[in-house]
Amino acid sequence: MQKLKNIQELKEILNRFVSSSKSVAIMTHTEPDGDGFCASLALHRLLRHQGIDSEIIIDVDSQLERFKFLMNGTKLSIFESGNYYETLIVLDCNSYTLLGDRSELLMTARKRLVIDHHIPSDKELDSNYTFVDISEVCTGSIIYKMFKSEIDNLPPTEQRVIANNLYITLINDTNNFTNSNTDAKSLSLAAELVAFGIVPSELYKAFFLNNTTSQMKYLGEVLAGMELYNDGQILFLYSSLDMQKRNHLATNAISIPRFVQGIKGVEVIAFLRQDDKESYNLSLRSDTVDVNAIAVSYGGGGHRKASGAILYGELDELKFDLISKLKQALTQSRNNV
């Protein structure tokens, strides 16, 4: 695996790969979010303007309802074992755990390129080339920088389509400019995308506020079970399979942590969602604790202030271990001040 040093190198490799391939696939992590999936949509559209036919590979249970307003003309393919693509581009992911069964595609593709902005784990994807820049606010920002000149030369209607997708990557990873990663660079990117004629208020409503009554009832049920530890510094939330079934929802139907960010006195948010009998999805958020280190200890990863992992085992044991690690991390954080 060769690690690329800058955007120009990345662009040269990507263009070389796709221009000489008979089949091109793009994919992101399981449970597609506004960065990974919308960056895929933008890249898919940009390649089409270069005469490159590509497909976005999803899982059979991928929940894409919230992205429908962005997906017109998108070519999606549900993963099947045995599928082959000459070139495979993985966005916003550098972990086998977060690819699930689709990691099989990495073993067969001849040309493999990973583009990400998360802190690499100790089990990075096996690719020909990898570009990881943890200073980038989102993967969409990397796509924009690679293809800015091409976007500038597109018809206005196409500029807006691509800018819509890239703006969603930005508000997804900044939580609509409320996270601590909101800075001059991210706001400058937002301004450039708005200049293409997009309407931020409409995109915000379509992406963040377009929740169903079932999702809101589910949210209320999860919030009602809120628990506090360590004198209110740790906020723990839990979602069982029964909660999701009762509200007729898929496991990843709504992002819970963003609804509790900013609660007075809370330093760390931990949301544990049951996905199977002894399988749990962990989401961590904190402005003071390195939650990525905790996620990595469970085989996951992400960012220093927002990270996650898949946990396996008995709920009470997992919860006890998690709370213990969070307490220890808070103590270390105070000692380092």
Protein backbone atom coordinates (compact mmCIF):
# COMPACT_ATOMS: atom_id res chain seq x y z
CA MET A 1 0.00 0.00 0.00
CA GLN A 2 1.35 3.40 -0.99
CA LYS A 3 0.24 6.45 0.95
CA LEU A 4 -0.41 9.48 -1.21
CA LYS A 5 0.95 12.80 0.01
CA ASN A 6 -1.35 15.40 -1.54
CA ILE A 7 -4.54 16.06 -3.49
CA GLN A 8 -2.72 16.32 -6.82
CA GLU A 9 -1.17 12.87 -6.43
CA LEU A 10 -4.56 11.51 -5.44
CA LYS A 11 -6.25 13.01 -8.48
CA GLU A 12 -3.62 11.61 -10.84
CA ILE A 13 -3.98 8.10 -9.42
CA LEU A 14 -7.78 8.21 -9.43
CA ASN A 15 -7.92 9.44 -13.03
CA ARG A 16 -5.39 6.83 -14.11
CA PHE A 17 -7.35 4.05 -12.44
CA VAL A 18 -10.81 4.93 -13.77
CA SER A 19 -9.69 5.85 -17.31
CA SER A 20 -8.13 2.44 -17.86
CA SER A 21 -10.81 0.28 -16.23
CA LYS A 22 -13.72 -1.62 -17.69
CA SER A 23 -15.67 -1.48 -14.42
CA VAL A 24 -15.55 1.07 -11.58
CA ALA A 25 -17.21 0.77 -8.18
CA ILE A 26 -17.53 3.30 -5.36
CA MET A 27 -18.50 2.42 -1.81
CA THR A 28 -18.46 3.75 1.73
CA HIS A 29 -18.94 2.24 5.17
CA THR A 30 -21.95 0.29 6.40
CA GLU A 31 -24.85 2.42 7.60
CA PRO A 32 -24.21 5.16 5.01
CA ASP A 33 -24.11 8.68 6.41
CA GLY A 34 -24.19 12.15 4.94
CA ASP A 35 -20.45 12.29 4.36
CA GLY A 36 -19.53 8.88 2.98
CA PHE A 37 -22.65 8.34 0.89
CA CYS A 38 -23.04 11.90 -0.42
CA ALA A 39 -19.33 12.04 -1.26
CA SER A 40 -19.97 8.84 -3.24
CA LEU A 41 -22.91 10.47 -5.02
CA ALA A 42 -20.78 13.48 -5.92
CA LEU A 43 -17.87 11.39 -7.21
CA HIS A 44 -20.25 9.13 -9.15
CA ARG A 45 -21.71 12.20 -10.88
CA LEU A 46 -18.31 13.77 -11.57
CA LEU A 47 -17.01 10.57 -13.15
CA ARG A 48 -20.05 10.45 -15.40
CA HIS A 49 -19.16 13.89 -16.72
CA GLN A 50 -15.76 12.47 -17.62
CA GLY A 51 -17.41 9.65 -19.57
CA ILE A 52 -16.71 7.09 -16.83
CA ASP A 53 -19.52 4.71 -15.92
CA SER A 54 -19.46 3.74 -12.24
CA GLU A 55 -21.68 2.07 -9.66
CA ILE A 56 -22.19 2.77 -5.95
CA ILE A 57 -22.18 -0.51 -4.04
CA ILE A 58 -24.56 -0.77 -1.09
CA ASP A 59 -25.72 -3.47 1.28
CA VAL A 60 -29.10 -5.11 0.88
CA ASP A 61 -30.24 -3.46 4.13
CA SER A 62 -28.74 0.01 3.52
CA GLN A 63 -31.17 2.71 4.66
CA LEU A 64 -31.13 5.44 2.00
CA GLU A 65 -34.53 7.10 2.48
CA ARG A 66 -33.04 10.34 3.79
CA PHE A 67 -30.87 10.67 0.65
CA LYS A 68 -33.59 10.18 -1.98
CA PHE A 69 -33.80 13.87 -2.79
CA LEU A 70 -30.14 13.71 -3.89
CA MET A 71 -30.12 10.43 -5.78
CA ASN A 72 -31.76 11.20 -9.12
CA GLY A 73 -29.94 9.28 -11.87
CA THR A 74 -27.66 7.41 -9.48
CA LYS A 75 -26.61 3.88 -10.39
CA LEU A 76 -26.76 1.71 -7.28
CA SER A 77 -25.85 -1.97 -7.03
CA ILE A 78 -26.63 -4.23 -4.09
CA PHE A 79 -23.57 -6.22 -3.07
CA GLU A 80 -23.53 -9.90 -3.94
CA SER A 81 -20.72 -12.28 -3.13
CA GLY A 82 -18.69 -12.97 -6.26
CA ASN A 83 -19.11 -9.50 -7.77
CA TYR A 84 -15.99 -8.14 -9.47
CA TYR A 85 -14.92 -4.60 -10.32
CA GLU A 86 -11.60 -3.72 -11.89
CA THR A 87 -11.34 -0.46 -9.92
CA LEU A 88 -12.71 -0.04 -6.40
CA ILE A 89 -12.79 3.36 -4.66
CA VAL A 90 -13.58 3.36 -0.94
CA LEU A 91 -14.67 6.68 0.58
CA ASP A 92 -14.81 7.80 4.21
CA CYS A 93 -13.72 4.39 5.49
CA ASN A 94 -10.43 2.63 6.21
CA SER A 95 -11.64 -0.31 8.30
CA TYR A 96 -12.65 -3.85 7.43
CA THR A 97 -15.19 -3.86 10.27
CA LEU A 98 -16.99 -0.86 8.79
CA LEU A 99 -17.17 -2.41 5.31
CA GLY A 100 -18.80 -5.63 6.45
CA ASP A 101 -19.29 -8.28 3.77
CA ARG A 102 -18.34 -5.84 1.01
CA SER A 103 -14.69 -6.11 2.12
CA GLU A 104 -14.68 -9.13 -0.20
CA LEU A 105 -14.52 -6.71 -3.13
CA LEU A 106 -11.09 -5.54 -1.95
CA MET A 107 -9.73 -9.04 -2.41
CA THR A 108 -10.71 -9.23 -6.07
CA ALA A 109 -10.39 -5.68 -7.44
CA ARG A 110 -7.17 -5.04 -9.39
CA LYS A 111 -7.00 -1.31 -8.57
CA ARG A 112 -7.95 -0.26 -5.05
CA LEU A 113 -8.00 3.32 -3.78
CA VAL A 114 -9.00 4.48 -0.27
CA ILE A 115 -9.90 8.13 0.44
CA ASP A 116 -10.59 9.04 4.05
CA HIS A 117 -10.23 11.69 6.76
CA HIS A 118 -10.43 9.51 9.88
CA ILE A 119 -7.56 8.57 12.17
CA PRO A 120 -6.23 5.29 10.74
CA SER A 121 -6.71 2.20 12.87
CA ASP A 122 -4.18 -0.62 13.18
CA LYS A 123 -6.12 -2.63 10.59
CA GLU A 124 -6.20 -0.38 7.54
CA LEU A 125 -7.74 -1.58 4.30
CA ASP A 126 -5.45 -3.39 1.89
CA SER A 127 -5.30 -1.06 -1.11
CA ASN A 128 -2.88 -0.04 -3.83
CA TYR A 129 -3.07 3.59 -2.75
CA THR A 130 -4.45 5.36 0.31
CA PHE A 131 -5.07 9.05 0.88
CA VAL A 132 -5.92 9.99 4.46
CA ASP A 133 -5.98 13.59 5.66
CA ILE A 134 -7.34 13.92 9.20
CA SER A 135 -7.23 17.72 8.93
CA GLU A 136 -10.04 17.65 6.36
CA VAL A 137 -13.46 18.36 7.83
CA CYS A 138 -15.14 15.72 5.69
CA THR A 139 -14.45 13.39 2.78
CA GLY A 140 -16.60 15.61 0.59
CA SER A 141 -14.03 18.36 1.06
CA ILE A 142 -11.37 16.10 -0.48
CA ILE A 143 -13.61 15.33 -3.46
CA TYR A 144 -14.28 19.04 -3.94
CA LYS A 145 -10.59 19.97 -3.89
CA MET A 146 -9.79 17.24 -6.40
CA PHE A 147 -12.45 18.30 -8.89
CA LYS A 148 -12.91 22.01 -8.27
CA SER A 149 -11.79 23.02 -11.76
CA GLU A 150 -14.08 20.42 -13.35
CA ILE A 151 -17.04 21.60 -11.27
CA ASP A 152 -16.36 25.20 -12.26
CA ASN A 153 -16.74 24.23 -15.92
CA LEU A 154 -20.01 22.31 -15.58
CA PRO A 155 -23.42 23.75 -16.50
CA PRO A 156 -25.04 25.59 -13.55
CA THR A 157 -27.68 22.90 -13.02
CA GLU A 158 -25.02 20.21 -12.72
CA GLN A 159 -22.92 22.41 -10.46
CA ARG A 160 -25.86 22.67 -8.07
CA VAL A 161 -26.49 18.91 -8.06
CA ILE A 162 -22.90 18.17 -7.09
CA ALA A 163 -22.70 21.11 -4.67
CA ASN A 164 -25.88 19.88 -2.93
CA ASN A 165 -24.22 16.54 -2.23
CA LEU A 166 -20.95 18.12 -1.10
CA TYR A 167 -22.78 20.53 1.21
CA ILE A 168 -24.52 17.60 2.90
CA THR A 169 -21.11 15.99 3.54
CA LEU A 170 -20.12 19.21 5.27
CA ILE A 171 -23.18 19.70 7.47
CA ASN A 172 -23.20 16.01 8.34
CA ASP A 173 -19.69 16.07 9.79
CA THR A 174 -19.99 19.50 11.44
CA ASN A 175 -23.55 18.83 12.67
CA ASN A 176 -24.66 21.90 10.74
CA PHE A 177 -21.64 23.93 11.91
CA THR A 178 -22.16 23.28 15.63
CA ASN A 179 -19.29 20.81 16.18
CA SER A 180 -15.82 21.94 17.23
CA ASN A 181 -14.45 21.08 13.76
CA THR A 182 -16.26 24.14 12.40
CA ASP A 183 -13.52 26.59 11.47
CA ALA A 184 -12.54 29.13 8.82
CA LYS A 185 -11.78 26.37 6.29
CA SER A 186 -15.13 24.63 6.70
CA LEU A 187 -17.05 27.91 6.52
CA SER A 188 -15.05 28.93 3.45
CA LEU A 189 -15.97 25.63 1.80
CA ALA A 190 -19.62 26.26 2.65
CA ALA A 191 -19.43 29.71 1.05
CA GLU A 192 -17.91 28.29 -2.14
CA LEU A 193 -20.64 25.67 -2.40
CA VAL A 194 -23.40 28.22 -1.76
CA ALA A 195 -21.98 30.28 -4.62
CA PHE A 196 -23.08 27.50 -6.99
CA GLY A 197 -26.69 28.37 -6.18
CA ILE A 198 -27.59 25.82 -3.51
CA VAL A 199 -30.05 26.75 -0.75
CA PRO A 200 -28.61 25.83 2.69
CA SER A 201 -31.91 26.20 4.56
CA GLU A 202 -33.66 23.74 2.23
CA LEU A 203 -30.81 21.24 2.45
CA TYR A 204 -30.78 21.48 6.25
CA LYS A 205 -34.52 20.81 6.44
CA ALA A 206 -34.38 17.93 3.95
CA PHE A 207 -31.47 16.23 5.66
CA PHE A 208 -31.85 16.98 9.38
CA LEU A 209 -35.53 17.74 9.94
CA ASN A 210 -37.25 15.27 7.64
CA ASN A 211 -38.01 12.79 10.45
CA THR A 212 -41.11 10.64 10.74
CA THR A 213 -43.41 10.44 13.77
CA SER A 214 -42.12 6.90 14.35
CA GLN A 215 -38.56 8.20 14.50
CA MET A 216 -39.56 10.90 16.99
CA LYS A 217 -41.38 8.38 19.20
CA TYR A 218 -38.30 6.17 19.11
CA LEU A 219 -36.09 9.13 19.99
CA GLY A 220 -38.33 9.93 22.95
CA GLU A 221 -38.14 6.37 24.17
CA VAL A 222 -34.33 6.35 24.00
CA LEU A 223 -34.05 9.74 25.71
CA ALA A 224 -36.43 8.60 28.48
CA GLY A 225 -33.88 5.92 29.41
CA MET A 226 -30.99 8.38 29.70
CA GLU A 227 -28.47 7.54 32.44
CA LEU A 228 -25.77 9.73 33.98
CA TYR A 229 -22.50 8.61 35.52
CA ASN A 230 -19.43 10.21 37.08
CA ASP A 231 -21.37 13.10 38.64
CA GLY A 232 -23.21 13.81 35.40
CA GLN A 233 -20.14 13.92 33.16
CA ILE A 234 -21.01 10.73 31.27
CA LEU A 235 -24.35 10.49 29.48
CA PHE A 236 -25.31 6.95 28.48
CA LEU A 237 -28.11 6.09 26.07
CA TYR A 238 -29.32 2.65 25.04
CA SER A 239 -31.57 1.35 22.29
CA SER A 240 -32.84 -2.24 22.28
CA LEU A 241 -34.12 -4.24 19.34
CA ASP A 242 -37.56 -4.11 20.93
CA MET A 243 -37.53 -0.30 20.86
CA GLN A 244 -36.72 -0.30 17.16
CA LYS A 245 -39.29 -2.98 16.32
CA ARG A 246 -41.98 -1.24 18.38
CA ASN A 247 -41.51 1.87 16.28
CA HIS A 248 -41.14 -0.06 13.00
CA LEU A 249 -37.64 1.24 12.38
CA ALA A 250 -34.42 -0.11 10.96
CA THR A 251 -31.44 -0.11 13.33
CA ASN A 252 -29.84 3.07 11.94
CA ALA A 253 -33.00 5.05 11.19
CA ILE A 254 -31.98 8.16 13.12
CA SER A 255 -28.83 9.67 14.62
CA ILE A 256 -29.42 9.84 18.38
CA PRO A 257 -26.23 11.51 19.75
CA ARG A 258 -26.77 14.82 17.96
CA PHE A 259 -30.01 15.36 19.91
CA VAL A 260 -28.18 15.37 23.26
CA GLN A 261 -25.02 17.27 22.39
CA GLY A 262 -24.54 20.39 24.52
CA ILE A 263 -26.30 19.20 27.70
CA LYS A 264 -24.91 21.15 30.64
CA GLY A 265 -22.22 19.33 32.59
CA VAL A 266 -21.93 16.39 30.18
CA GLU A 267 -18.39 15.68 28.95
CA VAL A 268 -18.93 12.39 27.10
CA ILE A 269 -21.92 10.92 25.26
CA ALA A 270 -22.13 7.16 24.73
CA PHE A 271 -24.95 5.64 22.70
CA LEU A 272 -25.17 1.84 22.57
CA ARG A 273 -27.62 0.45 20.03
CA GLN A 274 -28.48 -3.22 19.91
CA ASP A 275 -28.24 -4.60 16.39
CA ASP A 276 -28.50 -8.32 17.16
CA LYS A 277 -28.78 -10.61 20.17
CA GLU A 278 -25.20 -9.93 21.31
CA SER A 279 -24.10 -7.26 18.82
CA TYR A 280 -24.11 -3.55 19.63
CA ASN A 281 -23.22 -0.39 17.73
CA LEU A 282 -21.34 2.14 19.85
CA SER A 283 -21.28 5.89 19.11
CA LEU A 284 -19.09 8.20 21.20
CA ARG A 285 -18.97 12.00 21.30
CA SER A 286 -16.83 14.33 23.41
CA ASP A 287 -15.07 17.68 23.21
CA THR A 288 -12.66 16.84 26.03
CA VAL A 289 -11.90 13.10 25.87
CA ASP A 290 -10.12 11.25 23.06
CA VAL A 291 -13.02 8.91 22.27
CA ASN A 292 -11.18 7.55 19.24
CA ALA A 293 -8.74 5.80 21.60
CA ILE A 294 -11.66 4.11 23.32
CA ALA A 295 -13.26 3.11 20.03
CA VAL A 296 -9.95 1.68 18.81
CA SER A 297 -9.77 -0.47 21.96
CA TYR A 298 -12.95 -2.15 20.68
CA GLY A 299 -11.67 -2.49 17.12
CA GLY A 300 -13.37 0.63 15.83
CA GLY A 301 -12.20 4.19 15.21
CA GLY A 302 -13.01 7.58 13.74
CA HIS A 303 -12.11 11.01 15.06
CA ARG A 304 -10.73 12.21 18.37
CA LYS A 305 -14.07 13.84 19.26
CA ALA A 306 -16.47 11.51 17.45
CA SER A 307 -15.90 7.82 17.02
CA GLY A 308 -17.56 4.41 17.10
CA ALA A 309 -17.20 0.65 17.14
CA ILE A 310 -19.09 -2.63 17.00
CA LEU A 311 -19.21 -4.46 20.35
CA TYR A 312 -19.98 -8.13 20.90
CA GLY A 313 -21.00 -9.75 24.16
CA GLU A 314 -23.42 -9.50 27.06
CA LEU A 315 -24.96 -6.07 27.60
CA ASP A 316 -24.27 -5.60 31.30
CA GLU A 317 -20.62 -6.61 30.92
CA LEU A 318 -20.12 -4.37 27.89
CA LYS A 319 -21.78 -1.44 29.61
CA PHE A 320 -19.68 -1.86 32.78
CA ASP A 321 -16.45 -2.03 30.75
CA LEU A 322 -17.42 0.99 28.64
CA ILE A 323 -18.36 3.20 31.60
CA SER A 324 -15.13 2.19 33.36
CA LYS A 325 -13.06 3.20 30.33
CA LEU A 326 -14.90 6.51 30.02
CA LYS A 327 -14.33 7.31 33.72
CA GLN A 328 -10.64 6.52 33.35
CA ALA A 329 -10.40 8.68 30.22
CA LEU A 330 -12.02 11.61 32.04
CA THR A 331 -9.57 11.25 34.93
CA GLN A 332 -6.63 11.21 32.53
CA SER A 333 -8.03 14.23 30.70
CA ARG A 334 -8.22 16.23 33.94
CA ASN A 335 -4.70 15.17 34.94
CA ASN A 336 -3.33 16.36 31.59
CA VAL A 337 -4.77 19.86 31.93
